[in-house]
PDB file of all heavy atoms in Angstrom:
ATOM      1  N   ALA A   1       3.705 -12.459   6.251  1.00  0.00           N
ATOM      2  CA  ALA A   1       4.419 -11.222   6.303  1.00  0.00           C
ATOM      3  C   ALA A   1       4.104 -10.503   7.656  1.00  0.00           C
ATOM      4  O   ALA A   1       3.008 -10.740   8.246  1.00  0.00           O
ATOM      5  CB  ALA A   1       3.956 -10.372   5.145  1.00  0.00           C
ATOM      6  N   ASP A   2       5.050  -9.766   8.128  1.00  0.00           N
ATOM      7  CA  ASP A   2       4.770  -9.094   9.446  1.00  0.00           C
ATOM      8  C   ASP A   2       3.585  -8.220   9.469  1.00  0.00           C
ATOM      9  O   ASP A   2       2.917  -8.114  10.377  1.00  0.00           O
ATOM     10  CB  ASP A   2       6.147  -8.242   9.761  1.00  0.00           C
ATOM     11  CG  ASP A   2       7.288  -9.063  10.186  1.00  0.00           C
ATOM     12  OD1 ASP A   2       7.135 -10.272  10.485  1.00  0.00           O
ATOM     13  OD2 ASP A   2       8.390  -8.495  10.130  1.00  0.00           O
ATOM     14  N   SER A   3       3.263  -7.608   8.289  1.00  0.00           N
ATOM     15  CA  SER A   3       2.191  -6.744   8.258  1.00  0.00           C
ATOM     16  C   SER A   3       0.766  -7.338   8.392  1.00  0.00           C
ATOM     17  O   SER A   3      -0.189  -6.689   8.692  1.00  0.00           O
ATOM     18  CB  SER A   3       2.188  -5.921   6.879  1.00  0.00           C
ATOM     19  OG  SER A   3       2.088  -6.881   5.797  1.00  0.00           O
ATOM     20  N   VAL A   4       0.695  -8.693   8.280  1.00  0.00           N
ATOM     21  CA  VAL A   4      -0.615  -9.412   8.391  1.00  0.00           C
ATOM     22  C   VAL A   4      -0.620 -10.428   9.517  1.00  0.00           C
ATOM     23  O   VAL A   4      -1.615 -10.965   9.789  1.00  0.00           O
ATOM     24  CB  VAL A   4      -0.935 -10.069   7.087  1.00  0.00           C
ATOM     25  CG1 VAL A   4      -0.939  -9.016   5.898  1.00  0.00           C
ATOM     26  CG2 VAL A   4      -0.051 -11.251   6.779  1.00  0.00           C
ATOM     27  N   LYS A   5       0.529 -10.597  10.219  1.00  0.00           N
ATOM     28  CA  LYS A   5       0.501 -11.568  11.295  1.00  0.00           C
ATOM     29  C   LYS A   5      -0.578 -11.186  12.340  1.00  0.00           C
ATOM     30  O   LYS A   5      -0.629 -10.010  12.797  1.00  0.00           O
ATOM     31  CB  LYS A   5       1.876 -11.579  11.993  1.00  0.00           C
ATOM     32  CG  LYS A   5       2.932 -12.397  11.228  1.00  0.00           C
ATOM     33  CD  LYS A   5       4.300 -12.346  11.922  1.00  0.00           C
ATOM     34  CE  LYS A   5       5.346 -13.127  11.162  1.00  0.00           C
ATOM     35  NZ  LYS A   5       6.594 -13.139  11.826  1.00  0.00           N
ATOM     36  N   GLY A   6      -1.299 -12.137  12.775  1.00  0.00           N
ATOM     37  CA  GLY A   6      -2.275 -12.025  13.831  1.00  0.00           C
ATOM     38  C   GLY A   6      -3.563 -11.586  13.205  1.00  0.00           C
ATOM     39  O   GLY A   6      -4.629 -11.556  13.923  1.00  0.00           O
ATOM     40  N   ARG A   7      -3.634 -11.231  11.900  1.00  0.00           N
ATOM     41  CA  ARG A   7      -4.896 -10.797  11.289  1.00  0.00           C
ATOM     42  C   ARG A   7      -5.340 -11.759  10.156  1.00  0.00           C
ATOM     43  O   ARG A   7      -6.538 -11.990   9.903  1.00  0.00           O
ATOM     44  CB  ARG A   7      -4.746  -9.347  10.687  1.00  0.00           C
ATOM     45  CG  ARG A   7      -4.399  -8.333  11.719  1.00  0.00           C
ATOM     46  CD  ARG A   7      -4.531  -6.888  11.138  1.00  0.00           C
ATOM     47  NE  ARG A   7      -3.557  -6.721  10.053  1.00  0.00           N
ATOM     48  CZ  ARG A   7      -3.839  -6.375   8.755  1.00  0.00           C
ATOM     49  NH1 ARG A   7      -5.111  -6.212   8.463  1.00  0.00           N
ATOM     50  NH2 ARG A   7      -2.971  -6.167   7.869  1.00  0.00           N
ATOM     51  N   PHE A   8      -4.372 -12.352   9.410  1.00  0.00           N
ATOM     52  CA  PHE A   8      -4.673 -13.230   8.322  1.00  0.00           C
ATOM     53  C   PHE A   8      -4.280 -14.642   8.672  1.00  0.00           C
ATOM     54  O   PHE A   8      -3.310 -14.853   9.493  1.00  0.00           O
ATOM     55  CB  PHE A   8      -3.848 -12.827   7.083  1.00  0.00           C
ATOM     56  CG  PHE A   8      -4.227 -11.523   6.404  1.00  0.00           C
ATOM     57  CD1 PHE A   8      -5.031 -10.639   7.017  1.00  0.00           C
ATOM     58  CD2 PHE A   8      -3.700 -11.222   5.174  1.00  0.00           C
ATOM     59  CE1 PHE A   8      -5.479  -9.470   6.406  1.00  0.00           C
ATOM     60  CE2 PHE A   8      -4.001  -9.998   4.546  1.00  0.00           C
ATOM     61  CZ  PHE A   8      -4.938  -9.121   5.173  1.00  0.00           C
ATOM     62  N   THR A   9      -5.058 -15.591   8.201  1.00  0.00           N
ATOM     63  CA  THR A   9      -4.834 -17.008   8.441  1.00  0.00           C
ATOM     64  C   THR A   9      -4.954 -17.764   7.111  1.00  0.00           C
ATOM     65  O   THR A   9      -5.930 -17.657   6.422  1.00  0.00           O
ATOM     66  CB  THR A   9      -5.792 -17.590   9.407  1.00  0.00           C
ATOM     67  OG1 THR A   9      -5.700 -16.909  10.663  1.00  0.00           O
ATOM     68  CG2 THR A   9      -5.533 -19.014   9.750  1.00  0.00           C
ATOM     69  N   ILE A  10      -3.888 -18.464   6.821  1.00  0.00           N
ATOM     70  CA  ILE A  10      -3.896 -19.332   5.617  1.00  0.00           C
ATOM     71  C   ILE A  10      -4.175 -20.780   5.963  1.00  0.00           C
ATOM     72  O   ILE A  10      -3.771 -21.238   6.975  1.00  0.00           O
ATOM     73  CB  ILE A  10      -2.568 -19.214   4.789  1.00  0.00           C
ATOM     74  CG1 ILE A  10      -2.706 -19.795   3.459  1.00  0.00           C
ATOM     75  CG2 ILE A  10      -1.438 -19.850   5.654  1.00  0.00           C
ATOM     76  CD1 ILE A  10      -1.458 -19.468   2.537  1.00  0.00           C
ATOM     77  N   SER A  11      -4.846 -21.433   5.137  1.00  0.00           N
ATOM     78  CA  SER A  11      -5.171 -22.848   5.328  1.00  0.00           C
ATOM     79  C   SER A  11      -5.470 -23.597   4.000  1.00  0.00           C
ATOM     80  O   SER A  11      -5.581 -22.907   3.031  1.00  0.00           O
ATOM     81  CB  SER A  11      -6.426 -23.030   6.260  1.00  0.00           C
ATOM     82  OG  SER A  11      -7.537 -22.494   5.683  1.00  0.00           O
ATOM     83  N   ARG A  12      -5.518 -24.849   4.000  1.00  0.00           N
ATOM     84  CA  ARG A  12      -5.826 -25.539   2.766  1.00  0.00           C
ATOM     85  C   ARG A  12      -6.698 -26.789   3.027  1.00  0.00           C
ATOM     86  O   ARG A  12      -6.575 -27.435   4.074  1.00  0.00           O
ATOM     87  CB  ARG A  12      -4.540 -26.011   1.995  1.00  0.00           C
ATOM     88  CG  ARG A  12      -3.580 -26.997   2.632  1.00  0.00           C
ATOM     89  CD  ARG A  12      -2.260 -27.154   1.909  1.00  0.00           C
ATOM     90  NE  ARG A  12      -2.437 -27.391   0.470  1.00  0.00           N
ATOM     91  CZ  ARG A  12      -1.514 -27.145  -0.422  1.00  0.00           C
ATOM     92  NH1 ARG A  12      -0.312 -26.740  -0.085  1.00  0.00           N
ATOM     93  NH2 ARG A  12      -1.669 -27.434  -1.668  1.00  0.00           N
ATOM     94  N   ASP A  13      -7.564 -27.062   2.124  1.00  0.00           N
ATOM     95  CA  ASP A  13      -8.481 -28.151   2.215  1.00  0.00           C
ATOM     96  C   ASP A  13      -8.176 -29.114   1.057  1.00  0.00           C
ATOM     97  O   ASP A  13      -8.519 -28.801  -0.064  1.00  0.00           O
ATOM     98  CB  ASP A  13      -9.969 -27.674   2.047  1.00  0.00           C
ATOM     99  CG  ASP A  13     -11.002 -28.772   2.256  1.00  0.00           C
ATOM    100  OD1 ASP A  13     -10.632 -29.868   1.918  1.00  0.00           O
ATOM    101  OD2 ASP A  13     -12.119 -28.432   2.635  1.00  0.00           O
ATOM    102  N   ASN A  14      -7.447 -30.096   1.321  1.00  0.00           N
ATOM    103  CA  ASN A  14      -6.993 -31.028   0.276  1.00  0.00           C
ATOM    104  C   ASN A  14      -8.073 -31.687  -0.507  1.00  0.00           C
ATOM    105  O   ASN A  14      -8.015 -31.938  -1.672  1.00  0.00           O
ATOM    106  CB  ASN A  14      -6.046 -32.143   0.932  1.00  0.00           C
ATOM    107  CG  ASN A  14      -4.703 -31.508   1.277  1.00  0.00           C
ATOM    108  OD1 ASN A  14      -4.386 -30.445   1.004  1.00  0.00           O
ATOM    109  ND2 ASN A  14      -3.936 -32.306   2.109  1.00  0.00           N
ATOM    110  N   ALA A  15      -9.213 -31.969   0.228  1.00  0.00           N
ATOM    111  CA  ALA A  15     -10.331 -32.594  -0.506  1.00  0.00           C
ATOM    112  C   ALA A  15     -10.947 -31.709  -1.534  1.00  0.00           C
ATOM    113  O   ALA A  15     -11.433 -32.226  -2.533  1.00  0.00           O
ATOM    114  CB  ALA A  15     -11.392 -33.039   0.527  1.00  0.00           C
ATOM    115  N   LYS A  16     -10.768 -30.383  -1.355  1.00  0.00           N
ATOM    116  CA  LYS A  16     -11.312 -29.475  -2.286  1.00  0.00           C
ATOM    117  C   LYS A  16     -10.262 -28.766  -3.102  1.00  0.00           C
ATOM    118  O   LYS A  16     -10.627 -27.939  -3.979  1.00  0.00           O
ATOM    119  CB  LYS A  16     -12.135 -28.341  -1.574  1.00  0.00           C
ATOM    120  CG  LYS A  16     -13.355 -28.783  -0.816  1.00  0.00           C
ATOM    121  CD  LYS A  16     -14.101 -27.732  -0.169  1.00  0.00           C
ATOM    122  CE  LYS A  16     -15.359 -28.246   0.579  1.00  0.00           C
ATOM    123  NZ  LYS A  16     -16.074 -27.153   1.204  1.00  0.00           N
ATOM    124  N   ASN A  17      -9.003 -29.189  -2.964  1.00  0.00           N
ATOM    125  CA  ASN A  17      -7.898 -28.615  -3.671  1.00  0.00           C
ATOM    126  C   ASN A  17      -7.933 -27.042  -3.648  1.00  0.00           C
ATOM    127  O   ASN A  17      -7.672 -26.402  -4.658  1.00  0.00           O
ATOM    128  CB  ASN A  17      -7.928 -29.032  -5.172  1.00  0.00           C
ATOM    129  CG  ASN A  17      -7.658 -30.498  -5.330  1.00  0.00           C
ATOM    130  OD1 ASN A  17      -7.154 -31.142  -4.502  1.00  0.00           O
ATOM    131  ND2 ASN A  17      -8.206 -31.079  -6.421  1.00  0.00           N
ATOM    132  N   THR A  18      -8.198 -26.594  -2.515  1.00  0.00           N
ATOM    133  CA  THR A  18      -8.410 -25.156  -2.258  1.00  0.00           C
ATOM    134  C   THR A  18      -7.500 -24.648  -1.105  1.00  0.00           C
ATOM    135  O   THR A  18      -7.417 -25.328  -0.104  1.00  0.00           O
ATOM    136  CB  THR A  18      -9.866 -24.834  -1.975  1.00  0.00           C
ATOM    137  OG1 THR A  18     -10.647 -25.288  -3.102  1.00  0.00           O
ATOM    138  CG2 THR A  18     -10.043 -23.334  -1.852  1.00  0.00           C
ATOM    139  N   VAL A  19      -6.927 -23.503  -1.368  1.00  0.00           N
ATOM    140  CA  VAL A  19      -6.160 -22.794  -0.299  1.00  0.00           C
ATOM    141  C   VAL A  19      -6.995 -21.478   0.047  1.00  0.00           C
ATOM    142  O   VAL A  19      -7.330 -20.747  -0.847  1.00  0.00           O
ATOM    143  CB  VAL A  19      -4.748 -22.431  -0.797  1.00  0.00           C
ATOM    144  CG1 VAL A  19      -3.991 -21.574   0.244  1.00  0.00           C
ATOM    145  CG2 VAL A  19      -3.979 -23.629  -1.020  1.00  0.00           C
ATOM    146  N   TYR A  20      -7.111 -21.298   1.324  1.00  0.00           N
ATOM    147  CA  TYR A  20      -7.877 -20.145   1.732  1.00  0.00           C
ATOM    148  C   TYR A  20      -7.025 -19.069   2.436  1.00  0.00           C
ATOM    149  O   TYR A  20      -5.961 -19.458   3.103  1.00  0.00           O
ATOM    150  CB  TYR A  20      -8.919 -20.609   2.845  1.00  0.00           C
ATOM    151  CG  TYR A  20      -9.943 -21.571   2.277  1.00  0.00           C
ATOM    152  CD1 TYR A  20      -9.844 -22.921   2.530  1.00  0.00           C
ATOM    153  CD2 TYR A  20     -11.016 -21.191   1.456  1.00  0.00           C
ATOM    154  CE1 TYR A  20     -10.779 -23.783   2.060  1.00  0.00           C
ATOM    155  CE2 TYR A  20     -11.909 -22.121   0.971  1.00  0.00           C
ATOM    156  CZ  TYR A  20     -11.776 -23.445   1.204  1.00  0.00           C
ATOM    157  OH  TYR A  20     -12.652 -24.370   0.781  1.00  0.00           O
ATOM    158  N   LEU A  21      -7.388 -17.881   2.386  1.00  0.00           N
ATOM    159  CA  LEU A  21      -6.759 -16.844   3.120  1.00  0.00           C
ATOM    160  C   LEU A  21      -7.881 -16.057   3.817  1.00  0.00           C
ATOM    161  O   LEU A  21      -8.647 -15.287   3.280  1.00  0.00           O
ATOM    162  CB  LEU A  21      -5.980 -15.858   2.248  1.00  0.00           C
ATOM    163  CG  LEU A  21      -5.132 -14.785   3.003  1.00  0.00           C
ATOM    164  CD1 LEU A  21      -4.029 -15.448   3.798  1.00  0.00           C
ATOM    165  CD2 LEU A  21      -4.677 -13.700   2.101  1.00  0.00           C
ATOM    166  N   GLN A  22      -8.004 -16.289   5.147  1.00  0.00           N
ATOM    167  CA  GLN A  22      -9.014 -15.547   5.961  1.00  0.00           C
ATOM    168  C   GLN A  22      -8.327 -14.249   6.352  1.00  0.00           C
ATOM    169  O   GLN A  22      -7.329 -14.298   7.042  1.00  0.00           O
ATOM    170  CB  GLN A  22      -9.308 -16.401   7.194  1.00  0.00           C
ATOM    171  CG  GLN A  22     -10.301 -15.700   8.160  1.00  0.00           C
ATOM    172  CD  GLN A  22     -11.716 -15.577   7.499  1.00  0.00           C
ATOM    173  OE1 GLN A  22     -12.205 -16.428   6.904  1.00  0.00           O
ATOM    174  NE2 GLN A  22     -12.252 -14.353   7.706  1.00  0.00           N
ATOM    175  N   THR A  23      -8.993 -13.135   5.948  1.00  0.00           N
ATOM    176  CA  THR A  23      -8.413 -11.870   6.337  1.00  0.00           C
ATOM    177  C   THR A  23      -9.372 -11.141   7.328  1.00  0.00           C
ATOM    178  O   THR A  23     -10.563 -10.972   6.969  1.00  0.00           O
ATOM    179  CB  THR A  23      -8.268 -10.993   5.046  1.00  0.00           C
ATOM    180  OG1 THR A  23      -9.598 -10.804   4.512  1.00  0.00           O
ATOM    181  CG2 THR A  23      -7.493 -11.725   3.977  1.00  0.00           C
ATOM    182  N   ASN A  24      -8.868 -10.847   8.472  1.00  0.00           N
ATOM    183  CA  ASN A  24      -9.654 -10.146   9.450  1.00  0.00           C
ATOM    184  C   ASN A  24      -9.048  -8.820   9.836  1.00  0.00           C
ATOM    185  O   ASN A  24      -7.886  -8.581   9.497  1.00  0.00           O
ATOM    186  CB  ASN A  24      -9.632 -11.038  10.693  1.00  0.00           C
ATOM    187  CG  ASN A  24     -10.313 -12.339  10.550  1.00  0.00           C
ATOM    188  OD1 ASN A  24     -11.257 -12.512   9.771  1.00  0.00           O
ATOM    189  ND2 ASN A  24      -9.916 -13.380  11.267  1.00  0.00           N
ATOM    190  N   SER A  25      -9.785  -8.066  10.542  1.00  0.00           N
ATOM    191  CA  SER A  25      -9.317  -6.690  10.944  1.00  0.00           C
ATOM    192  C   SER A  25      -8.718  -5.951   9.737  1.00  0.00           C
ATOM    193  O   SER A  25      -7.629  -5.318   9.969  1.00  0.00           O
ATOM    194  CB  SER A  25      -8.377  -6.788  12.099  1.00  0.00           C
ATOM    195  OG  SER A  25      -8.962  -7.502  13.199  1.00  0.00           O
ATOM    196  N   LEU A  26      -9.348  -5.877   8.665  1.00  0.00           N
ATOM    197  CA  LEU A  26      -8.817  -5.317   7.442  1.00  0.00           C
ATOM    198  C   LEU A  26      -8.606  -3.810   7.662  1.00  0.00           C
ATOM    199  O   LEU A  26      -9.462  -3.132   8.270  1.00  0.00           O
ATOM    200  CB  LEU A  26      -9.654  -5.614   6.294  1.00  0.00           C
ATOM    201  CG  LEU A  26      -9.531  -7.138   5.742  1.00  0.00           C
ATOM    202  CD1 LEU A  26     -10.713  -7.451   4.822  1.00  0.00           C
ATOM    203  CD2 LEU A  26      -8.265  -7.195   4.969  1.00  0.00           C
ATOM    204  N   LYS A  27      -7.601  -3.310   7.004  1.00  0.00           N
ATOM    205  CA  LYS A  27      -7.189  -1.979   7.071  1.00  0.00           C
ATOM    206  C   LYS A  27      -7.229  -1.287   5.632  1.00  0.00           C
ATOM    207  O   LYS A  27      -7.060  -2.060   4.697  1.00  0.00           O
ATOM    208  CB  LYS A  27      -5.801  -1.761   7.637  1.00  0.00           C
ATOM    209  CG  LYS A  27      -5.611  -2.441   8.979  1.00  0.00           C
ATOM    210  CD  LYS A  27      -4.125  -2.283   9.418  1.00  0.00           C
ATOM    211  CE  LYS A  27      -3.971  -2.966  10.799  1.00  0.00           C
ATOM    212  NZ  LYS A  27      -2.535  -2.929  11.209  1.00  0.00           N
ATOM    213  N   PRO A  28      -7.317   0.011   5.437  1.00  0.00           N
ATOM    214  CA  PRO A  28      -7.304   0.537   4.093  1.00  0.00           C
ATOM    215  C   PRO A  28      -6.024   0.185   3.376  1.00  0.00           C
ATOM    216  O   PRO A  28      -6.033  -0.026   2.156  1.00  0.00           O
ATOM    217  CB  PRO A  28      -7.425   2.081   4.420  1.00  0.00           C
ATOM    218  CG  PRO A  28      -8.188   2.170   5.682  1.00  0.00           C
ATOM    219  CD  PRO A  28      -7.712   0.946   6.494  1.00  0.00           C
ATOM    220  N   GLU A  29      -4.915  -0.025   4.051  1.00  0.00           N
ATOM    221  CA  GLU A  29      -3.710  -0.338   3.467  1.00  0.00           C
ATOM    222  C   GLU A  29      -3.654  -1.785   3.004  1.00  0.00           C
ATOM    223  O   GLU A  29      -2.659  -2.244   2.338  1.00  0.00           O
ATOM    224  CB  GLU A  29      -2.456  -0.023   4.401  1.00  0.00           C
ATOM    225  CG  GLU A  29      -2.574  -0.627   5.778  1.00  0.00           C
ATOM    226  CD  GLU A  29      -3.110   0.438   6.800  1.00  0.00           C
ATOM    227  OE1 GLU A  29      -4.071   1.152   6.492  1.00  0.00           O
ATOM    228  OE2 GLU A  29      -2.576   0.442   7.949  1.00  0.00           O
ATOM    229  N   ASP A  30      -4.598  -2.561   3.279  1.00  0.00           N
ATOM    230  CA  ASP A  30      -4.689  -3.921   2.757  1.00  0.00           C
ATOM    231  C   ASP A  30      -5.312  -3.953   1.352  1.00  0.00           C
ATOM    232  O   ASP A  30      -5.362  -4.996   0.749  1.00  0.00           O
ATOM    233  CB  ASP A  30      -5.565  -4.832   3.650  1.00  0.00           C
ATOM    234  CG  ASP A  30      -4.889  -5.028   5.087  1.00  0.00           C
ATOM    235  OD1 ASP A  30      -3.685  -5.306   5.026  1.00  0.00           O
ATOM    236  OD2 ASP A  30      -5.630  -4.957   6.018  1.00  0.00           O
ATOM    237  N   THR A  31      -5.856  -2.797   0.887  1.00  0.00           N
ATOM    238  CA  THR A  31      -6.419  -2.676  -0.335  1.00  0.00           C
ATOM    239  C   THR A  31      -5.353  -3.083  -1.441  1.00  0.00           C
ATOM    240  O   THR A  31      -4.344  -2.478  -1.538  1.00  0.00           O
ATOM    241  CB  THR A  31      -6.943  -1.240  -0.672  1.00  0.00           C
ATOM    242  OG1 THR A  31      -8.039  -1.071   0.264  1.00  0.00           O
ATOM    243  CG2 THR A  31      -7.443  -1.132  -2.085  1.00  0.00           C
ATOM    244  N   ALA A  32      -5.789  -4.093  -2.293  1.00  0.00           N
ATOM    245  CA  ALA A  32      -4.769  -4.532  -3.299  1.00  0.00           C
ATOM    246  C   ALA A  32      -5.463  -5.591  -4.147  1.00  0.00           C
ATOM    247  O   ALA A  32      -6.537  -6.140  -3.808  1.00  0.00           O
ATOM    248  CB  ALA A  32      -3.523  -5.128  -2.689  1.00  0.00           C
ATOM    249  N   LEU A  33      -4.791  -6.007  -5.201  1.00  0.00           N
ATOM    250  CA  LEU A  33      -5.168  -7.097  -6.040  1.00  0.00           C
ATOM    251  C   LEU A  33      -4.469  -8.288  -5.361  1.00  0.00           C
ATOM    252  O   LEU A  33      -3.242  -8.253  -5.252  1.00  0.00           O
ATOM    253  CB  LEU A  33      -4.728  -6.942  -7.484  1.00  0.00           C
ATOM    254  CG  LEU A  33      -5.301  -7.952  -8.538  1.00  0.00           C
ATOM    255  CD1 LEU A  33      -6.844  -7.997  -8.480  1.00  0.00           C
ATOM    256  CD2 LEU A  33      -4.837  -7.652  -9.864  1.00  0.00           C
ATOM    257  N   TYR A  34      -5.124  -9.273  -4.945  1.00  0.00           N
ATOM    258  CA  TYR A  34      -4.555 -10.460  -4.328  1.00  0.00           C
ATOM    259  C   TYR A  34      -4.444 -11.706  -5.323  1.00  0.00           C
ATOM    260  O   TYR A  34      -5.443 -11.975  -5.870  1.00  0.00           O
ATOM    261  CB  TYR A  34      -5.380 -10.805  -3.068  1.00  0.00           C
ATOM    262  CG  TYR A  34      -5.175  -9.954  -1.858  1.00  0.00           C
ATOM    263  CD1 TYR A  34      -5.719  -8.654  -1.887  1.00  0.00           C
ATOM    264  CD2 TYR A  34      -4.544 -10.404  -0.816  1.00  0.00           C
ATOM    265  CE1 TYR A  34      -5.480  -7.798  -0.839  1.00  0.00           C
ATOM    266  CE2 TYR A  34      -4.367  -9.551   0.340  1.00  0.00           C
ATOM    267  CZ  TYR A  34      -4.800  -8.228   0.281  1.00  0.00           C
ATOM    268  OH  TYR A  34      -4.616  -7.403   1.373  1.00  0.00           O
ATOM    269  N   TYR A  35      -3.293 -12.221  -5.298  1.00  0.00           N
ATOM    270  CA  TYR A  35      -3.054 -13.255  -6.185  1.00  0.00           C
ATOM    271  C   TYR A  35      -2.593 -14.546  -5.410  1.00  0.00           C
ATOM    272  O   TYR A  35      -1.920 -14.381  -4.328  1.00  0.00           O
ATOM    273  CB  TYR A  35      -1.857 -13.004  -7.082  1.00  0.00           C
ATOM    274  CG  TYR A  35      -1.997 -11.804  -7.979  1.00  0.00           C
ATOM    275  CD1 TYR A  35      -1.536 -10.559  -7.665  1.00  0.00           C
ATOM    276  CD2 TYR A  35      -2.464 -12.011  -9.346  1.00  0.00           C
ATOM    277  CE1 TYR A  35      -1.715  -9.517  -8.434  1.00  0.00           C
ATOM    278  CE2 TYR A  35      -2.564 -10.912 -10.109  1.00  0.00           C
ATOM    279  CZ  TYR A  35      -2.213  -9.624  -9.752  1.00  0.00           C
ATOM    280  OH  TYR A  35      -2.275  -8.557 -10.557  1.00  0.00           O
ATOM    281  N   CYS A  36      -2.872 -15.712  -5.926  1.00  0.00           N
ATOM    282  CA  CYS A  36      -2.198 -16.927  -5.289  1.00  0.00           C
ATOM    283  C   CYS A  36      -1.280 -17.417  -6.396  1.00  0.00           C
ATOM    284  O   CYS A  36      -1.524 -17.135  -7.692  1.00  0.00           O
ATOM    285  CB  CYS A  36      -3.216 -17.994  -4.945  1.00  0.00           C
ATOM    286  SG  CYS A  36      -4.347 -18.684  -6.158  1.00  0.00           S
ATOM    287  N   ALA A  37      -0.177 -18.070  -5.989  1.00  0.00           N
ATOM    288  CA  ALA A  37       0.774 -18.404  -6.922  1.00  0.00           C
ATOM    289  C   ALA A  37       1.578 -19.659  -6.301  1.00  0.00           C
ATOM    290  O   ALA A  37       1.531 -19.953  -5.133  1.00  0.00           O
ATOM    291  CB  ALA A  37       1.789 -17.336  -7.180  1.00  0.00           C
TER     292      ALA A  37
END
């Protein structure tokens, strides 16, 4: 999303069956319940 470009990075580790979301430079407006789907 435009609001997180340059600050968030998504990646996946197939060996661990895990998807990560690295969130940097967090702002108060990033406050939320985060879901994967």
